[in-house]
PDB file of N, CA and C in Angstrom:
ATOM      1  N   UNK A   1      18.743  31.691 -15.956  1.00  0.00           N
ATOM      2  CA  UNK A   1      18.027  30.318 -15.330  1.00  0.00           C
ATOM      3  C   UNK A   1      18.264  31.189 -13.879  1.00  0.00           C
ATOM      4  N   UNK A   2      17.333  31.231 -12.912  1.00  0.00           N
ATOM      5  CA  UNK A   2      17.608  31.476 -11.443  1.00  0.00           C
ATOM      6  C   UNK A   2      16.173  30.171 -10.907  1.00  0.00           C
ATOM      7  N   UNK A   3      16.407  29.862  -9.227  1.00  0.00           N
ATOM      8  CA  UNK A   3      16.188  28.547  -8.451  1.00  0.00           C
ATOM      9  C   UNK A   3      15.430  29.769  -7.639  1.00  0.00           C
ATOM     10  N   UNK A   4      14.605  29.749  -6.792  1.00  0.00           N
ATOM     11  CA  UNK A   4      13.583  30.333  -6.204  1.00  0.00           C
ATOM     12  C   UNK A   4      13.309  28.649  -4.854  1.00  0.00           C
ATOM     13  N   UNK A   5      14.043  29.472  -3.075  1.00  0.00           N
ATOM     14  CA  UNK A   5      13.142  27.919  -2.793  1.00  0.00           C
ATOM     15  C   UNK A   5      12.500  28.905  -1.816  1.00  0.00           C
ATOM     16  N   UNK A   6      11.144  28.023  -2.110  1.00  0.00           N
ATOM     17  CA  UNK A   6       9.569  28.413  -1.010  1.00  0.00           C
ATOM     18  C   UNK A   6       8.903  27.104  -1.144  1.00  0.00           C
ATOM     19  N   UNK A   7       8.466  27.593  -0.271  1.00  0.00           N
ATOM     20  CA  UNK A   7       7.368  26.210   0.508  1.00  0.00           C
ATOM     21  C   UNK A   7       5.480  26.524   0.390  1.00  0.00           C
ATOM     22  N   UNK A   8       5.640  25.491  -0.214  1.00  0.00           N
ATOM     23  CA  UNK A   8       3.458  25.298  -0.704  1.00  0.00           C
ATOM     24  C   UNK A   8       3.083  23.955   0.618  1.00  0.00           C
ATOM     25  N   UNK A   9       2.475  24.420   0.916  1.00  0.00           N
ATOM     26  CA  UNK A   9       1.470  24.182   1.882  1.00  0.00           C
ATOM     27  C   UNK A   9      -0.356  23.192   1.593  1.00  0.00           C
ATOM     28  N   UNK A  10       0.142  21.326   1.432  1.00  0.00           N
ATOM     29  CA  UNK A  10      -0.274  20.593   0.946  1.00  0.00           C
ATOM     30  C   UNK A  10      -2.152  20.794   2.075  1.00  0.00           C
ATOM     31  N   UNK A  11      -2.998  21.007   2.159  1.00  0.00           N
ATOM     32  CA  UNK A  11      -3.684  20.454   3.538  1.00  0.00           C
ATOM     33  C   UNK A  11      -5.293  18.948   2.966  1.00  0.00           C
ATOM     34  N   UNK A  12      -5.166  18.573   3.569  1.00  0.00           N
ATOM     35  CA  UNK A  12      -5.839  17.542   3.709  1.00  0.00           C
ATOM     36  C   UNK A  12      -6.485  17.351   4.950  1.00  0.00           C
ATOM     37  N   UNK A  13      -7.620  17.111   4.884  1.00  0.00           N
ATOM     38  CA  UNK A  13      -8.727  17.162   5.914  1.00  0.00           C
ATOM     39  C   UNK A  13      -7.985  17.992   8.049  1.00  0.00           C
ATOM     40  N   UNK A  14      -7.976  17.660   8.888  1.00  0.00           N
ATOM     41  CA  UNK A  14      -6.923  18.000   9.235  1.00  0.00           C
ATOM     42  C   UNK A  14      -5.608  18.156   9.819  1.00  0.00           C
ATOM     43  N   UNK A  15      -4.731  17.728   8.587  1.00  0.00           N
ATOM     44  CA  UNK A  15      -3.528  17.800   8.738  1.00  0.00           C
ATOM     45  C   UNK A  15      -3.311  19.337   7.157  1.00  0.00           C
ATOM     46  N   UNK A  16      -2.244  19.556   7.696  1.00  0.00           N
ATOM     47  CA  UNK A  16      -1.964  20.823   7.028  1.00  0.00           C
ATOM     48  C   UNK A  16       0.147  20.186   6.594  1.00  0.00           C
ATOM     49  N   UNK A  17       0.475  20.322   6.271  1.00  0.00           N
ATOM     50  CA  UNK A  17       1.910  19.948   5.561  1.00  0.00           C
ATOM     51  C   UNK A  17       2.685  20.774   4.862  1.00  0.00           C
ATOM     52  N   UNK A  18       3.304  21.602   5.166  1.00  0.00           N
ATOM     53  CA  UNK A  18       5.112  22.140   4.619  1.00  0.00           C
ATOM     54  C   UNK A  18       6.334  21.762   3.946  1.00  0.00           C
ATOM     55  N   UNK A  19       6.214  21.612   2.981  1.00  0.00           N
ATOM     56  CA  UNK A  19       6.829  21.204   1.623  1.00  0.00           C
ATOM     57  C   UNK A  19       7.544  22.336   1.025  1.00  0.00           C
ATOM     58  N   UNK A  20       8.719  22.093   1.313  1.00  0.00           N
ATOM     59  CA  UNK A  20      10.426  22.964   0.349  1.00  0.00           C
ATOM     60  C   UNK A  20      10.046  22.322  -0.701  1.00  0.00           C
ATOM     61  N   UNK A  21      10.948  23.459  -1.768  1.00  0.00           N
ATOM     62  CA  UNK A  21      10.031  23.395  -3.542  1.00  0.00           C
ATOM     63  C   UNK A  21      11.077  24.554  -3.902  1.00  0.00           C
ATOM     64  N   UNK A  22      11.321  24.532  -4.963  1.00  0.00           N
ATOM     65  CA  UNK A  22      12.619  24.810  -5.264  1.00  0.00           C
ATOM     66  C   UNK A  22      11.519  26.099  -6.929  1.00  0.00           C
ATOM     67  N   UNK A  23      11.543  26.792  -7.174  1.00  0.00           N
ATOM     68  CA  UNK A  23      11.073  27.396  -8.059  1.00  0.00           C
ATOM     69  C   UNK A  23      11.955  27.921  -9.400  1.00  0.00           C
ATOM     70  N   UNK A  24      11.203  27.276 -10.725  1.00  0.00           N
ATOM     71  CA  UNK A  24      12.668  27.284 -11.758  1.00  0.00           C
ATOM     72  C   UNK A  24      11.829  29.034 -12.175  1.00  0.00           C
ATOM     73  N   UNK A  25      12.923  29.976 -12.158  1.00  0.00           N
ATOM     74  CA  UNK A  25      12.411  30.974 -13.657  1.00  0.00           C
ATOM     75  C   UNK A  25      13.614  30.854 -14.337  1.00  0.00           C
ATOM     76  N   UNK A  26      13.222  30.609 -14.985  1.00  0.00           N
ATOM     77  CA  UNK A  26      13.757  30.951 -16.720  1.00  0.00           C
ATOM     78  C   UNK A  26      13.305  31.513 -17.548  1.00  0.00           C
ATOM     79  N   UNK A  27      12.423  33.147 -17.287  1.00  0.00           N
ATOM     80  CA  UNK A  27      11.654  34.103 -18.393  1.00  0.00           C
ATOM     81  C   UNK A  27      10.948  33.288 -19.821  1.00  0.00           C
ATOM     82  N   UNK A  28      10.800  32.361 -20.271  1.00  0.00           N
ATOM     83  CA  UNK A  28       9.447  31.552 -20.719  1.00  0.00           C
ATOM     84  C   UNK A  28       7.888  32.407 -19.577  1.00  0.00           C
ATOM     85  N   UNK A  29       7.141  31.897 -20.438  1.00  0.00           N
ATOM     86  CA  UNK A  29       5.901  32.885 -20.009  1.00  0.00           C
ATOM     87  C   UNK A  29       5.116  31.930 -18.821  1.00  0.00           C
ATOM     88  N   UNK A  30       5.616  30.660 -18.288  1.00  0.00           N
ATOM     89  CA  UNK A  30       5.230  29.988 -18.031  1.00  0.00           C
ATOM     90  C   UNK A  30       5.730  29.601 -16.569  1.00  0.00           C
ATOM     91  N   UNK A  31       7.198  31.109 -16.191  1.00  0.00           N
ATOM     92  CA  UNK A  31       7.907  31.120 -15.612  1.00  0.00           C
ATOM     93  C   UNK A  31       6.563  31.671 -14.480  1.00  0.00           C
ATOM     94  N   UNK A  32       7.790  31.368 -13.333  1.00  0.00           N
ATOM     95  CA  UNK A  32       8.267  29.995 -12.309  1.00  0.00           C
ATOM     96  C   UNK A  32       7.538  29.051 -12.623  1.00  0.00           C
ATOM     97  N   UNK A  33       8.194  28.203 -12.273  1.00  0.00           N
ATOM     98  CA  UNK A  33       7.541  26.683 -12.321  1.00  0.00           C
ATOM     99  C   UNK A  33       7.604  25.567 -11.882  1.00  0.00           C
ATOM    100  N   UNK A  34       7.219  24.335 -11.190  1.00  0.00           N
ATOM    101  CA  UNK A  34       8.099  23.937  -9.992  1.00  0.00           C
ATOM    102  C   UNK A  34       8.650  22.431 -11.048  1.00  0.00           C
ATOM    103  N   UNK A  35      10.080  21.858 -10.006  1.00  0.00           N
ATOM    104  CA  UNK A  35       9.967  21.120 -11.122  1.00  0.00           C
ATOM    105  C   UNK A  35       9.099  19.162 -10.896  1.00  0.00           C
ATOM    106  N   UNK A  36       9.368  18.460 -12.353  1.00  0.00           N
ATOM    107  CA  UNK A  36       8.836  17.696 -12.319  1.00  0.00           C
ATOM    108  C   UNK A  36       9.007  17.040 -10.626  1.00  0.00           C
ATOM    109  N   UNK A  37      10.133  16.770 -10.402  1.00  0.00           N
ATOM    110  CA  UNK A  37      10.558  16.094  -9.242  1.00  0.00           C
ATOM    111  C   UNK A  37      10.001  16.734  -7.737  1.00  0.00           C
ATOM    112  N   UNK A  38       9.523  18.209  -7.583  1.00  0.00           N
ATOM    113  CA  UNK A  38       8.424  18.878  -6.691  1.00  0.00           C
ATOM    114  C   UNK A  38       7.362  18.307  -6.942  1.00  0.00           C
ATOM    115  N   UNK A  39       6.974  17.894  -8.168  1.00  0.00           N
ATOM    116  CA  UNK A  39       4.837  18.180  -8.114  1.00  0.00           C
ATOM    117  C   UNK A  39       5.165  16.809  -7.559  1.00  0.00           C
ATOM    118  N   UNK A  40       5.733  15.788  -8.155  1.00  0.00           N
ATOM    119  CA  UNK A  40       5.501  14.066  -7.845  1.00  0.00           C
ATOM    120  C   UNK A  40       6.027  14.363  -6.041  1.00  0.00           C
ATOM    121  N   UNK A  41       6.749  14.701  -5.176  1.00  0.00           N
ATOM    122  CA  UNK A  41       6.942  14.966  -3.763  1.00  0.00           C
ATOM    123  C   UNK A  41       5.487  15.227  -3.546  1.00  0.00           C
ATOM    124  N   UNK A  42       4.831  17.055  -3.586  1.00  0.00           N
ATOM    125  CA  UNK A  42       4.343  17.283  -3.423  1.00  0.00           C
ATOM    126  C   UNK A  42       2.957  16.317  -3.371  1.00  0.00           C
ATOM    127  N   UNK A  43       2.466  15.367  -4.940  1.00  0.00           N
ATOM    128  CA  UNK A  43       1.944  14.510  -4.772  1.00  0.00           C
ATOM    129  C   UNK A  43       1.199  12.826  -3.798  1.00  0.00           C
ATOM    130  N   UNK A  44       2.627  13.281  -3.605  1.00  0.00           N
ATOM    131  CA  UNK A  44       2.913  11.943  -2.466  1.00  0.00           C
ATOM    132  C   UNK A  44       2.753  11.931  -1.513  1.00  0.00           C
ATOM    133  N   UNK A  45       3.337  13.433  -1.146  1.00  0.00           N
ATOM    134  CA  UNK A  45       2.552  14.025   0.945  1.00  0.00           C
ATOM    135  C   UNK A  45       1.398  14.369   0.828  1.00  0.00           C
ATOM    136  N   UNK A  46       0.321  14.246  -0.675  1.00  0.00           N
ATOM    137  CA  UNK A  46      -0.967  14.557  -0.948  1.00  0.00           C
ATOM    138  C   UNK A  46      -2.020  13.207  -0.059  1.00  0.00           C
ATOM    139  N   UNK A  47      -1.137  12.533  -0.627  1.00  0.00           N
ATOM    140  CA  UNK A  47      -1.386  11.700  -1.192  1.00  0.00           C
ATOM    141  C   UNK A  47      -1.247  10.077   0.469  1.00  0.00           C
ATOM    142  N   UNK A  48       0.141  10.579   1.158  1.00  0.00           N
ATOM    143  CA  UNK A  48       0.173  10.349   2.609  1.00  0.00           C
ATOM    144  C   UNK A  48      -0.938  10.175   3.244  1.00  0.00           C
ATOM    145  N   UNK A  49      -0.879  12.094   3.103  1.00  0.00           N
ATOM    146  CA  UNK A  49      -1.755  12.629   4.340  1.00  0.00           C
ATOM    147  C   UNK A  49      -3.383  12.132   4.360  1.00  0.00           C
ATOM    148  N   UNK A  50      -3.918  12.101   2.882  1.00  0.00           N
ATOM    149  CA  UNK A  50      -5.044  11.380   2.339  1.00  0.00           C
ATOM    150  C   UNK A  50      -4.956  10.288   2.901  1.00  0.00           C
ATOM    151  N   UNK A  51      -4.465   9.044   3.544  1.00  0.00           N
ATOM    152  CA  UNK A  51      -3.862   7.421   3.519  1.00  0.00           C
ATOM    153  C   UNK A  51      -3.604   7.866   5.562  1.00  0.00           C
ATOM    154  N   UNK A  52      -3.732   9.254   6.185  1.00  0.00           N
ATOM    155  CA  UNK A  52      -3.535   9.034   7.464  1.00  0.00           C
ATOM    156  C   UNK A  52      -2.128   8.501   7.882  1.00  0.00           C
ATOM    157  N   UNK A  53      -1.205   8.456   6.686  1.00  0.00           N
ATOM    158  CA  UNK A  53       0.092   8.190   6.837  1.00  0.00           C
ATOM    159  C   UNK A  53       1.499   9.495   7.629  1.00  0.00           C
ATOM    160  N   UNK A  54       1.113   9.933   8.155  1.00  0.00           N
ATOM    161  CA  UNK A  54       1.903  11.273   8.916  1.00  0.00           C
ATOM    162  C   UNK A  54       3.054  10.532   9.415  1.00  0.00           C
ATOM    163  N   UNK A  55       4.012   9.390   8.786  1.00  0.00           N
ATOM    164  CA  UNK A  55       5.397   9.515   9.302  1.00  0.00           C
ATOM    165  C   UNK A  55       5.516   8.946   7.941  1.00  0.00           C
ATOM    166  N   UNK A  56       4.915   8.895   6.546  1.00  0.00           N
ATOM    167  CA  UNK A  56       5.326   8.897   4.855  1.00  0.00           C
ATOM    168  C   UNK A  56       5.363  10.519   4.687  1.00  0.00           C
ATOM    169  N   UNK A  57       4.601  11.057   5.174  1.00  0.00           N
ATOM    170  CA  UNK A  57       4.126  12.097   4.576  1.00  0.00           C
ATOM    171  C   UNK A  57       5.676  13.532   5.218  1.00  0.00           C
ATOM    172  N   UNK A  58       6.132  13.200   6.871  1.00  0.00           N
ATOM    173  CA  UNK A  58       7.339  13.520   7.458  1.00  0.00           C
ATOM    174  C   UNK A  58       8.528  12.410   6.469  1.00  0.00           C
ATOM    175  N   UNK A  59       8.513  11.293   6.156  1.00  0.00           N
ATOM    176  CA  UNK A  59       9.540  11.394   5.553  1.00  0.00           C
ATOM    177  C   UNK A  59      10.046  11.916   4.394  1.00  0.00           C
ATOM    178  N   UNK A  60       9.726  12.174   3.421  1.00  0.00           N
ATOM    179  CA  UNK A  60       9.300  12.769   2.699  1.00  0.00           C
ATOM    180  C   UNK A  60       9.603  14.271   2.099  1.00  0.00           C
ATOM    181  N   UNK A  61       9.893  14.607   3.770  1.00  0.00           N
ATOM    182  CA  UNK A  61      10.691  16.114   4.011  1.00  0.00           C
ATOM    183  C   UNK A  61       9.563  17.405   3.978  1.00  0.00           C
ATOM    184  N   UNK A  62       7.968  16.970   4.648  1.00  0.00           N
ATOM    185  CA  UNK A  62       7.323  17.517   5.295  1.00  0.00           C
ATOM    186  C   UNK A  62       7.006  17.763   6.693  1.00  0.00           C
ATOM    187  N   UNK A  63       7.101  18.921   7.032  1.00  0.00           N
ATOM    188  CA  UNK A  63       6.656  19.487   8.246  1.00  0.00           C
ATOM    189  C   UNK A  63       5.069  19.365   8.816  1.00  0.00           C
ATOM    190  N   UNK A  64       4.548  18.152   9.975  1.00  0.00           N
ATOM    191  CA  UNK A  64       3.241  18.189   9.594  1.00  0.00           C
ATOM    192  C   UNK A  64       2.499  18.470  10.556  1.00  0.00           C
ATOM    193  N   UNK A  65       1.656  19.341  10.556  1.00  0.00           N
ATOM    194  CA  UNK A  65       1.171  19.462  11.505  1.00  0.00           C
ATOM    195  C   UNK A  65      -0.534  19.299  11.284  1.00  0.00           C
ATOM    196  N   UNK A  66      -1.051  19.537  12.777  1.00  0.00           N
ATOM    197  CA  UNK A  66      -2.754  19.013  12.208  1.00  0.00           C
ATOM    198  C   UNK A  66      -2.973  20.698  13.368  1.00  0.00           C
ATOM    199  N   UNK A  67      -4.746  20.075  12.617  1.00  0.00           N
ATOM    200  CA  UNK A  67      -5.315  21.775  12.674  1.00  0.00           C
ATOM    201  C   UNK A  67      -6.614  21.488  13.664  1.00  0.00           C
ATOM    202  N   UNK A  68      -6.503  23.292  13.959  1.00  0.00           N
ATOM    203  CA  UNK A  68      -7.295  22.516  14.991  1.00  0.00           C
ATOM    204  C   UNK A  68      -8.401  23.732  15.846  1.00  0.00           C
ATOM    205  N   UNK A  69      -9.785  24.002  15.643  1.00  0.00           N
ATOM    206  CA  UNK A  69     -10.452  24.729  15.224  1.00  0.00           C
ATOM    207  C   UNK A  69     -10.609  25.464  17.009  1.00  0.00           C
ATOM    208  N   UNK A  70     -10.346  26.676  16.966  1.00  0.00           N
ATOM    209  CA  UNK A  70     -10.238  27.723  18.010  1.00  0.00           C
ATOM    210  C   UNK A  70     -11.189  27.794  18.895  1.00  0.00           C
ATOM    211  N   UNK A  71     -12.336  28.171  18.077  1.00  0.00           N
ATOM    212  CA  UNK A  71     -13.475  29.314  18.146  1.00  0.00           C
ATOM    213  C   UNK A  71     -14.441  29.206  17.739  1.00  0.00           C
ATOM    214  N   UNK A  72     -15.647  28.738  18.124  1.00  0.00           N
ATOM    215  CA  UNK A  72     -16.365  28.692  17.819  1.00  0.00           C
ATOM    216  C   UNK A  72     -17.015  29.575  17.462  1.00  0.00           C
ATOM    217  N   UNK A  73     -18.599  29.769  16.100  1.00  0.00           N
ATOM    218  CA  UNK A  73     -19.528  30.752  15.234  1.00  0.00           C
ATOM    219  C   UNK A  73     -20.432  30.695  16.141  1.00  0.00           C
TER     220      UNK A  73
END
């Protein structure tokens, strides 16, 4: 079993958060997968972004950014 560090993005509205997670690789057919703790943290970050609570999202270890359109069609 090996663990690989990676980043997942969570986008809600005009905000995006980078969350560091660990992929667990076991050789099973469903591998690699996230731990239950990482999945809960991603869900909590998404919920915080939905509520507009950027401090809560950052407190969960996420790096939060605001997206801004830079070119018009």
